[in-house]
Amino acid sequence: MRTTLYTLLAVVLALALHSCTDETIGSSLTDTRTAIIEDSSFVLTGHSVPNQRVQARTSTQLVGLLKADGYGTLGSEVVTQFIPASTIDTTGVSVDMIDSCRLMLAITPSGFTGDSLPAMRMNVYRLNRQLPSPLFSDFDPSEYYNESDLLGSTAYSPSSATTIYKETQQTAAITYKAVFVPMPVSLAREMQSEFRRNPETFNSPSAFAKFFPGIYIKNSYGSGRVMNFNRTELQVFYRKAQTDIDGNDTIINNRSTYLAATPETLQDNIISYEVDAAVKQRIDQGEAIVVAPAGYEVQLRFPIQEIIDSFYSSVGDDLGVINKLELTLPVEETGTAYNIDPPTNLLMVKTSQKDKFIAGDSLTNNKDSFYATYSSAKRAYVFTGLRDYILNIINNQNGIASEEDINLTVTPVDVITYTSAATYSTSAQTIVTKISPQVSVPAIARLRLDKAKVKITYSKMMM
């Protein structure tokens, strides 16, 4: 649908003069008749393709086994290295004064999908060799551990997790809970002994991984949910000899964090996914369905050439200024057990550059990669920043779109942001710091390509 709105000359003059160096076509400004045109008469097509091997550059650990009607069966395990503490307390602490240690896996109240009650158990194993890099969701850990390398085991569920602290944010207070896995005290004593002998082992994650390659966490019993742990660390409890304020020798109890898994450590969620039969049938019938983690993505044929041709045809010998190009993707929630939501964010990237984008830990540039956040109010994803995409083709390719420009992939992603603190002169700003394939929670949605709207808005001065 194309609509035309006539506007004041002064507005368009300012617009055109501001932008005429890179996105205008036609003659110079000589007349007074102007219009703003919106055209959404374009057709978007696409289809689902499997996406079951992703480079899961993740900051969280997804553990469990879930079967949900309308979604499928999802299993997730974890391998991870650690960042070691730069220093370990050895003053007044002998190896024998280390009493115990445990692995802490923290979770928010909403950090799980499924039923909170079924009995489930996890095992934690010590890796016996360094992990390869990069890691992918289909990684096979069988050659990196032995069953005899079991460090600990525990039952785990959201309902039985222990509250560890509360954090007040701008909008709400979040209660963090934790699952604790008892670890052998010999592990902490081994680490302190190594720190005494070779402190340089703790200088970097890569150096430390040669001494302690990491751990493998797997669900060993039960099913019914997956839990997304957003903080994992090894906590050590020990006694420390010191002198109190009166000069008397005393022994105090203390706790320290020896290891932490962070976004900077080498880690991976090992994903197994089997699609629900009804969902697979819908995909085979041509519906565009996205599933995460490591499920399905959608490949699009974006009508960029048709948009450019329509723009040129409409403007003709007159002056045209492209103001905006956007894509609205309506969503149909497919209806699943446990009310699995659509992906929080979708990345749209040139298909030829998708793997490079993920491997390079890239951020979107609005020229060949874009992202949009799901709006539950609109029940849609809206990609608003496509203007540079079309301008690049017009200015640098003489308006001729290549196959690379036309073939785009839409895939679920996790987006990590950082919000700067507000000051007396500036407001708080939210900055995207990382985009990676979504592995944080299961997600599924049908993209209604038949109802998608690709809309270009441009100003036209008729000479």
Protein backbone atom coordinates (compact mmCIF):
# COMPACT_ATOMS: atom_id res chain seq x y z
CA MET A 1 0.00 0.00 0.00
CA ARG A 2 1.37 3.42 -0.98
CA THR A 3 0.16 6.61 0.71
CA THR A 4 1.15 10.17 -0.12
CA LEU A 5 1.12 13.16 2.22
CA TYR A 6 1.82 16.65 0.84
CA THR A 7 3.90 18.79 3.17
CA LEU A 8 5.34 22.26 3.53
CA LEU A 9 8.30 23.07 1.33
CA ALA A 10 10.40 24.29 4.24
CA VAL A 11 10.29 20.93 5.96
CA VAL A 12 11.38 19.00 2.91
CA LEU A 13 13.97 21.58 1.97
CA ALA A 14 15.64 21.11 5.35
CA LEU A 15 15.40 17.35 5.03
CA ALA A 16 16.77 17.25 1.52
CA LEU A 17 19.61 19.70 2.11
CA HIS A 18 20.67 17.71 5.16
CA SER A 19 20.75 14.42 3.28
CA CYS A 20 21.18 15.13 -0.41
CA THR A 21 24.81 14.03 -0.49
CA ASP A 22 24.12 10.33 0.00
CA GLU A 23 20.50 9.31 -0.40
CA THR A 24 18.85 11.57 -2.97
CA ILE A 25 18.20 11.15 -6.64
CA GLY A 26 16.81 13.58 -9.20
CA SER A 27 17.22 17.25 -9.98
CA SER A 28 18.15 20.23 -7.84
CA LEU A 29 15.58 22.10 -5.78
CA THR A 30 13.59 24.45 -7.98
CA ASP A 31 9.89 23.98 -7.18
CA THR A 32 7.57 24.08 -4.22
CA ARG A 33 5.44 20.93 -4.46
CA THR A 34 6.53 18.20 -2.07
CA ALA A 35 5.18 14.99 -0.58
CA ILE A 36 6.02 12.31 1.97
CA ILE A 37 5.30 8.84 0.63
CA GLU A 38 4.85 5.62 2.58
CA ASP A 39 4.96 2.42 0.55
CA SER A 40 4.29 -1.01 2.11
CA SER A 41 3.20 -2.92 -0.99
CA PHE A 42 6.04 -5.46 -0.79
CA VAL A 43 5.93 -9.19 -0.18
CA LEU A 44 8.30 -10.97 2.20
CA THR A 45 8.88 -14.72 1.82
CA GLY A 46 10.91 -17.28 3.72
CA HIS A 47 11.09 -20.72 5.31
CA SER A 48 12.43 -22.47 8.40
CA VAL A 49 15.76 -24.33 8.36
CA PRO A 50 17.43 -26.38 11.11
CA ASN A 51 19.89 -24.51 13.32
CA GLN A 52 21.11 -27.30 15.57
CA ARG A 53 24.79 -26.43 15.74
CA VAL A 54 25.39 -22.99 17.20
CA GLN A 55 28.47 -21.39 18.68
CA ALA A 56 27.10 -20.86 22.17
CA ARG A 57 29.24 -18.00 23.41
CA THR A 58 27.19 -17.80 26.56
CA SER A 59 27.40 -16.16 29.96
CA THR A 60 24.90 -18.56 31.56
CA GLN A 61 24.60 -22.30 32.13
CA LEU A 62 21.43 -24.12 31.07
CA VAL A 63 21.02 -27.50 32.77
CA GLY A 64 18.16 -29.99 32.66
CA LEU A 65 15.78 -32.02 30.52
CA LEU A 66 12.38 -30.77 29.36
CA LYS A 67 9.63 -32.22 27.19
CA ALA A 68 6.88 -29.79 26.23
CA ASP A 69 3.99 -30.39 23.85
CA GLY A 70 4.02 -27.82 21.07
CA TYR A 71 7.76 -27.29 21.48
CA GLY A 72 9.69 -30.56 21.66
CA THR A 73 12.30 -32.18 23.88
CA LEU A 74 15.26 -30.14 25.09
CA GLY A 75 18.28 -31.36 27.00
CA SER A 76 21.18 -29.18 28.07
CA GLU A 77 24.53 -29.85 29.73
CA VAL A 78 27.48 -27.57 30.40
CA VAL A 79 31.24 -27.54 30.06
CA THR A 80 33.18 -24.57 31.39
CA GLN A 81 36.61 -23.32 32.27
CA PHE A 82 37.05 -20.81 35.08
CA ILE A 83 38.70 -17.51 35.81
CA PRO A 84 40.81 -18.06 38.96
CA ALA A 85 41.14 -15.65 41.84
CA SER A 86 44.25 -13.52 41.30
CA THR A 87 45.30 -14.13 44.91
CA ILE A 88 44.49 -16.78 47.49
CA ASP A 89 44.68 -16.09 51.21
CA THR A 90 47.67 -18.03 52.58
CA THR A 91 48.64 -15.78 55.51
CA GLY A 92 47.79 -17.68 58.65
CA VAL A 93 46.15 -20.39 56.55
CA SER A 94 47.72 -23.81 56.13
CA VAL A 95 46.43 -26.34 53.64
CA ASP A 96 45.03 -28.38 56.53
CA MET A 97 42.96 -25.39 57.67
CA ILE A 98 40.77 -25.62 54.56
CA ASP A 99 37.62 -27.30 55.80
CA SER A 100 35.30 -27.64 52.79
CA CYS A 101 34.34 -26.27 49.40
CA ARG A 102 31.26 -26.19 47.22
CA LEU A 103 30.14 -25.21 43.74
CA MET A 104 27.52 -22.47 43.77
CA LEU A 105 25.10 -22.07 40.86
CA ALA A 106 22.88 -19.00 41.22
CA ILE A 107 19.47 -18.50 39.66
CA THR A 108 16.69 -15.89 39.62
CA PRO A 109 13.10 -16.91 40.47
CA SER A 110 12.15 -16.80 36.77
CA GLY A 111 15.30 -18.57 35.61
CA PHE A 112 13.71 -21.89 34.76
CA THR A 113 11.22 -23.40 32.32
CA GLY A 114 9.01 -26.33 33.23
CA ASP A 115 7.73 -27.76 36.49
CA SER A 116 9.48 -26.66 39.68
CA LEU A 117 8.65 -29.82 41.64
CA PRO A 118 9.95 -32.98 39.86
CA ALA A 119 12.97 -34.64 41.48
CA MET A 120 16.09 -34.05 39.38
CA ARG A 121 19.78 -34.52 40.05
CA MET A 122 22.97 -33.13 38.54
CA ASN A 123 26.49 -34.56 38.45
CA VAL A 124 29.64 -32.45 38.24
CA TYR A 125 32.78 -33.96 36.72
CA ARG A 126 36.33 -32.73 36.50
CA LEU A 127 37.63 -32.35 32.96
CA ASN A 128 40.87 -34.17 32.27
CA ARG A 129 42.03 -32.15 29.28
CA GLN A 130 41.69 -28.61 27.99
CA LEU A 131 38.60 -27.66 26.03
CA PRO A 132 38.94 -26.83 22.33
CA SER A 133 38.05 -23.42 20.98
CA PRO A 134 35.59 -22.51 19.59
CA LEU A 135 32.91 -24.67 21.20
CA PHE A 136 29.59 -25.54 19.60
CA SER A 137 26.28 -26.76 20.96
CA ASP A 138 26.86 -30.28 19.59
CA PHE A 139 30.16 -30.68 21.47
CA ASP A 140 30.85 -34.26 22.62
CA PRO A 141 32.43 -34.21 26.10
CA SER A 142 32.99 -37.96 26.29
CA GLU A 143 36.71 -37.69 25.56
CA TYR A 144 37.23 -34.93 28.12
CA TYR A 145 36.13 -36.68 31.31
CA ASN A 146 35.75 -40.11 32.93
CA GLU A 147 32.96 -41.33 35.18
CA SER A 148 35.62 -41.75 37.88
CA ASP A 149 36.23 -37.96 37.71
CA LEU A 150 32.99 -37.23 39.58
CA LEU A 151 33.47 -34.23 41.88
CA GLY A 152 29.99 -33.97 43.33
CA SER A 153 26.28 -34.57 42.90
CA THR A 154 23.14 -32.93 44.24
CA ALA A 155 19.38 -32.69 43.78
CA TYR A 156 18.34 -29.39 42.22
CA SER A 157 15.10 -27.48 41.81
CA PRO A 158 13.90 -23.86 42.01
CA SER A 159 11.73 -24.64 45.02
CA SER A 160 14.57 -26.09 47.10
CA ALA A 161 17.25 -23.57 46.10
CA THR A 162 18.70 -21.46 48.91
CA THR A 163 18.19 -17.67 48.96
CA ILE A 164 21.62 -16.02 48.89
CA TYR A 165 20.90 -12.31 48.48
CA LYS A 166 18.49 -9.69 47.15
CA GLU A 167 19.39 -7.01 44.69
CA THR A 168 17.40 -3.81 44.26
CA GLN A 169 17.35 -2.56 40.67
CA GLN A 170 15.67 0.44 39.10
CA THR A 171 12.34 -1.30 38.57
CA ALA A 172 12.22 -4.17 41.06
CA ALA A 173 14.01 -6.20 43.71
CA ILE A 174 15.42 -9.52 42.52
CA THR A 175 15.94 -12.44 44.87
CA TYR A 176 18.82 -14.70 43.88
CA LYS A 177 18.80 -18.32 44.93
CA ALA A 178 21.49 -20.95 44.61
CA VAL A 179 22.00 -24.65 44.17
CA PHE A 180 25.07 -25.88 46.05
CA VAL A 181 27.06 -28.93 45.00
CA PRO A 182 29.46 -30.23 47.70
CA MET A 183 32.98 -30.57 46.30
CA PRO A 184 35.84 -32.67 47.75
CA VAL A 185 37.96 -30.63 50.16
CA SER A 186 41.00 -32.09 48.42
CA LEU A 187 40.15 -29.93 45.38
CA ALA A 188 40.50 -26.65 47.30
CA ARG A 189 43.64 -27.89 49.08
CA GLU A 190 45.13 -28.85 45.73
CA MET A 191 44.49 -25.33 44.42
CA GLN A 192 46.02 -23.61 47.43
CA SER A 193 49.07 -25.85 47.22
CA GLU A 194 49.45 -24.94 43.55
CA PHE A 195 49.14 -21.24 44.37
CA ARG A 196 51.92 -21.56 46.94
CA ARG A 197 54.21 -23.37 44.50
CA ASN A 198 53.34 -21.63 41.23
CA PRO A 199 51.35 -18.39 41.69
CA GLU A 200 51.78 -17.67 37.98
CA THR A 201 49.26 -20.48 37.33
CA PHE A 202 46.59 -18.05 38.53
CA ASN A 203 47.65 -15.18 36.27
CA SER A 204 45.16 -15.94 33.49
CA PRO A 205 42.34 -18.34 32.55
CA SER A 206 44.49 -19.97 29.88
CA ALA A 207 47.36 -20.60 32.29
CA PHE A 208 44.99 -21.90 34.94
CA ALA A 209 43.25 -24.23 32.46
CA LYS A 210 46.51 -26.14 32.01
CA PHE A 211 46.33 -26.99 35.71
CA PHE A 212 42.54 -27.32 36.06
CA PRO A 213 40.78 -27.67 32.66
CA GLY A 214 37.29 -27.08 34.07
CA ILE A 215 34.11 -29.01 34.82
CA TYR A 216 31.30 -30.83 33.04
CA ILE A 217 27.76 -30.53 34.49
CA LYS A 218 25.03 -32.89 33.38
CA ASN A 219 21.54 -33.84 34.43
CA SER A 220 21.91 -37.33 35.86
CA TYR A 221 18.35 -38.10 36.92
CA GLY A 222 14.80 -36.94 36.24
CA SER A 223 13.15 -34.57 33.77
CA GLY A 224 10.59 -31.82 33.70
CA ARG A 225 12.54 -28.55 33.51
CA VAL A 226 15.66 -26.69 32.48
CA MET A 227 17.31 -24.18 34.82
CA ASN A 228 19.35 -21.19 33.65
CA PHE A 229 22.17 -20.46 36.11
CA ASN A 230 23.60 -16.98 35.69
CA ARG A 231 26.50 -17.20 38.14
CA THR A 232 28.78 -20.16 38.89
CA GLU A 233 31.70 -20.16 41.31
CA LEU A 234 33.75 -22.38 43.62
CA GLN A 235 33.48 -21.26 47.24
CA VAL A 236 36.07 -22.37 49.81
CA PHE A 237 35.65 -22.37 53.62
CA TYR A 238 38.72 -22.25 55.84
CA ARG A 239 40.08 -21.25 59.24
CA LYS A 240 42.56 -18.43 59.59
CA ALA A 241 44.99 -17.71 62.42
CA GLN A 242 45.34 -14.04 63.31
CA THR A 243 45.72 -11.61 66.17
CA ASP A 244 42.68 -9.77 67.51
CA ILE A 245 42.59 -6.09 68.53
CA ASP A 246 43.76 -7.01 72.04
CA GLY A 247 46.84 -8.75 70.70
CA ASN A 248 45.56 -12.25 71.42
CA ASP A 249 46.02 -15.10 68.95
CA THR A 250 42.68 -16.32 67.57
CA ILE A 251 41.18 -18.49 64.88
CA ILE A 252 38.41 -17.13 62.65
CA ASN A 253 36.23 -18.84 60.08
CA ASN A 254 36.38 -17.41 56.57
CA ARG A 255 35.11 -17.96 53.06
CA SER A 256 36.68 -17.14 49.73
CA THR A 257 35.82 -17.55 46.05
CA TYR A 258 38.58 -19.41 44.24
CA LEU A 259 37.01 -19.73 40.79
CA ALA A 260 34.27 -18.02 38.79
CA ALA A 261 32.65 -18.73 35.45
CA THR A 262 32.05 -15.45 33.62
CA PRO A 263 31.28 -14.31 30.04
CA GLU A 264 35.04 -14.20 29.44
CA THR A 265 35.63 -17.88 30.21
CA LEU A 266 35.49 -20.65 27.65
CA GLN A 267 32.15 -22.36 28.24
CA ASP A 268 29.39 -24.03 26.29
CA ASN A 269 25.86 -25.31 26.67
CA ILE A 270 25.64 -28.73 25.03
CA ILE A 271 22.19 -28.79 23.47
CA SER A 272 20.09 -31.71 22.27
CA TYR A 273 16.74 -30.82 20.71
CA GLU A 274 14.04 -32.96 19.13
CA VAL A 275 11.22 -31.02 17.56
CA ASP A 276 7.60 -31.75 18.47
CA ALA A 277 5.91 -33.78 15.73
CA ALA A 278 3.13 -31.22 15.27
CA VAL A 279 5.64 -28.38 14.98
CA LYS A 280 7.71 -30.35 12.46
CA GLN A 281 4.60 -30.89 10.37
CA ARG A 282 3.88 -27.17 10.33
CA ILE A 283 7.46 -26.44 9.29
CA ASP A 284 7.25 -29.02 6.52
CA GLN A 285 4.07 -27.30 5.31
CA GLY A 286 6.03 -24.06 4.89
CA GLU A 287 5.37 -22.13 8.10
CA ALA A 288 8.20 -19.87 9.28
CA ILE A 289 8.89 -21.02 12.84
CA VAL A 290 11.88 -20.08 15.01
CA VAL A 291 12.93 -22.32 17.88
CA ALA A 292 15.67 -21.84 20.48
CA PRO A 293 18.07 -22.97 21.69
CA ALA A 294 19.69 -24.73 18.73
CA GLY A 295 16.41 -25.49 16.99
CA TYR A 296 15.21 -23.62 13.89
CA GLU A 297 15.81 -20.26 12.25
CA VAL A 298 14.16 -18.61 9.23
CA GLN A 299 15.77 -17.71 5.94
CA LEU A 300 14.15 -14.74 4.20
CA ARG A 301 14.00 -13.41 0.67
CA PHE A 302 13.91 -9.69 1.42
CA PRO A 303 12.30 -7.59 -1.37
CA ILE A 304 15.02 -4.96 -1.34
CA GLN A 305 15.32 -4.77 -5.15
CA GLU A 306 11.58 -4.28 -5.50
CA ILE A 307 11.75 -1.50 -2.91
CA ILE A 308 14.58 0.27 -4.73
CA ASP A 309 12.88 -0.10 -8.10
CA SER A 310 9.62 1.29 -6.68
CA PHE A 311 11.48 4.22 -5.14
CA TYR A 312 13.24 5.07 -8.41
CA SER A 313 10.00 4.69 -10.39
CA SER A 314 8.07 6.95 -8.05
CA VAL A 315 10.71 9.67 -7.86
CA GLY A 316 11.62 9.66 -11.55
CA ASP A 317 13.38 12.92 -12.43
CA ASP A 318 12.31 14.53 -9.19
CA LEU A 319 14.22 14.70 -5.93
CA GLY A 320 13.80 11.85 -3.43
CA VAL A 321 15.06 11.50 0.14
CA ILE A 322 14.77 8.16 1.94
CA ASN A 323 13.67 8.78 5.50
CA LYS A 324 13.09 5.30 6.87
CA LEU A 325 12.91 1.61 6.01
CA GLU A 326 11.46 -0.79 8.55
CA LEU A 327 10.20 -4.34 8.85
CA THR A 328 7.40 -5.48 11.16
CA LEU A 329 7.24 -9.24 11.76
CA PRO A 330 3.97 -10.27 13.43
CA VAL A 331 4.17 -13.31 15.69
CA GLU A 332 1.78 -16.13 16.36
CA GLU A 333 2.47 -17.77 19.72
CA THR A 334 2.23 -21.47 18.93
CA GLY A 335 0.72 -22.68 22.22
CA THR A 336 2.93 -24.96 24.27
CA ALA A 337 3.07 -26.72 27.58
CA TYR A 338 4.67 -24.47 30.23
CA ASN A 339 3.76 -21.40 28.11
CA ILE A 340 7.09 -21.18 26.33
CA ASP A 341 7.47 -17.62 25.02
CA PRO A 342 8.72 -16.24 21.69
CA PRO A 343 12.45 -15.43 21.61
CA THR A 344 13.20 -12.18 23.43
CA ASN A 345 15.38 -10.93 20.56
CA LEU A 346 15.83 -11.79 16.90
CA LEU A 347 18.96 -11.13 14.88
CA MET A 348 18.49 -10.48 11.16
CA VAL A 349 21.73 -10.78 9.24
CA LYS A 350 22.87 -11.50 5.72
CA THR A 351 22.88 -15.29 5.45
CA SER A 352 26.36 -15.27 3.96
CA GLN A 353 27.69 -13.39 7.00
CA LYS A 354 25.80 -15.11 9.85
CA ASP A 355 28.52 -17.54 10.90
CA LYS A 356 31.16 -14.82 10.69
CA PHE A 357 28.97 -12.49 12.76
CA ILE A 358 28.58 -15.04 15.56
CA ALA A 359 32.20 -16.21 15.48
CA GLY A 360 33.45 -12.64 15.56
CA ASP A 361 31.36 -11.73 18.59
CA SER A 362 30.00 -8.85 16.49
CA LEU A 363 27.43 -6.16 17.18
CA THR A 364 24.78 -5.11 14.68
CA ASN A 365 25.64 -2.26 12.30
CA ASN A 366 22.21 -1.69 10.64
CA LYS A 367 23.81 -2.18 7.22
CA ASP A 368 23.99 -5.96 6.99
CA SER A 369 22.94 -6.98 10.51
CA PHE A 370 20.06 -5.85 12.72
CA TYR A 371 18.22 -6.94 15.84
CA ALA A 372 14.74 -6.41 17.24
CA THR A 373 13.14 -7.10 20.63
CA TYR A 374 9.81 -8.84 20.89
CA SER A 375 6.90 -6.58 21.85
CA SER A 376 4.21 -8.54 23.66
CA ALA A 377 1.87 -5.54 23.27
CA LYS A 378 2.26 -5.49 19.47
CA ARG A 379 2.92 -9.24 19.27
CA ALA A 380 5.63 -8.45 16.76
CA TYR A 381 9.29 -7.73 16.17
CA VAL A 382 9.96 -4.33 14.58
CA PHE A 383 13.27 -3.79 12.79
CA THR A 384 13.44 -0.01 12.48
CA GLY A 385 17.06 0.61 11.49
CA LEU A 386 17.16 -0.59 7.88
CA ARG A 387 17.85 2.80 6.28
CA ASP A 388 21.62 2.28 5.98
CA TYR A 389 20.95 -1.12 4.42
CA ILE A 390 19.12 0.36 1.44
CA LEU A 391 21.38 3.42 1.18
CA ASN A 392 24.46 1.22 0.92
CA ILE A 393 22.97 -0.55 -2.11
CA ILE A 394 21.86 2.72 -3.74
CA ASN A 395 25.08 4.61 -3.15
CA ASN A 396 27.69 1.87 -3.54
CA GLN A 397 26.06 -0.65 -5.89
CA ASN A 398 24.19 1.65 -8.28
CA GLY A 399 20.91 0.47 -6.80
CA ILE A 400 21.48 -3.16 -7.81
CA ALA A 401 20.98 -5.63 -4.95
CA SER A 402 23.08 -8.79 -4.94
CA GLU A 403 21.95 -12.23 -3.80
CA GLU A 404 23.80 -11.52 -0.55
CA ASP A 405 21.65 -8.43 -0.03
CA ILE A 406 18.43 -10.34 -0.66
CA ASN A 407 19.07 -13.51 1.38
CA LEU A 408 18.74 -12.76 5.09
CA THR A 409 18.54 -15.07 8.11
CA VAL A 410 16.45 -14.44 11.20
CA THR A 411 17.66 -16.30 14.30
CA PRO A 412 16.97 -16.07 18.07
CA VAL A 413 19.73 -14.38 20.07
CA ASP A 414 20.63 -13.39 23.60
CA VAL A 415 21.50 -9.68 23.86
CA ILE A 416 23.60 -8.48 26.78
CA THR A 417 23.45 -4.79 27.62
CA TYR A 418 25.20 -2.39 29.97
CA THR A 419 23.39 0.60 31.43
CA SER A 420 25.55 3.53 32.44
CA ALA A 421 24.66 5.50 35.55
CA ALA A 422 22.91 8.82 35.11
CA THR A 423 24.80 11.98 36.09
CA TYR A 424 23.72 15.56 36.68
CA SER A 425 24.36 16.35 33.00
CA THR A 426 23.59 13.05 31.24
CA SER A 427 20.83 10.48 31.39
CA ALA A 428 21.45 6.75 31.78
CA GLN A 429 22.34 5.02 28.54
CA THR A 430 21.89 1.37 27.64
CA ILE A 431 24.60 -0.07 25.40
CA VAL A 432 24.59 -3.47 23.72
CA THR A 433 27.81 -5.30 24.63
CA LYS A 434 27.24 -8.80 23.28
CA ILE A 435 24.97 -10.70 20.88
CA SER A 436 25.06 -14.50 20.80
CA PRO A 437 22.76 -17.39 19.82
CA GLN A 438 19.95 -17.75 22.34
CA VAL A 439 20.65 -20.55 24.81
CA SER A 440 19.37 -18.89 27.98
CA VAL A 441 15.81 -20.26 27.82
CA PRO A 442 13.70 -22.32 25.41
CA ALA A 443 11.62 -20.25 23.00
CA ILE A 444 9.35 -20.79 20.00
CA ALA A 445 7.21 -18.61 17.73
CA ARG A 446 5.68 -18.59 14.28
CA LEU A 447 6.65 -15.57 12.18
CA ARG A 448 3.62 -14.51 10.13
CA LEU A 449 5.45 -13.64 6.92
CA ASP A 450 2.08 -13.43 5.16
CA LYS A 451 1.22 -10.48 7.41
CA ALA A 452 4.69 -8.92 7.57
CA LYS A 453 4.95 -5.26 6.60
CA VAL A 454 8.01 -3.87 4.82
CA LYS A 455 7.56 -0.11 4.72
CA ILE A 456 9.70 2.56 3.11
CA THR A 457 9.09 6.23 3.85
CA TYR A 458 10.61 8.86 1.61
CA SER A 459 10.21 12.54 0.75
CA LYS A 460 9.64 13.53 -2.86
CA MET A 461 9.90 16.98 -4.40
CA MET A 462 8.07 17.21 -7.72
CA MET A 463 9.89 19.48 -10.11
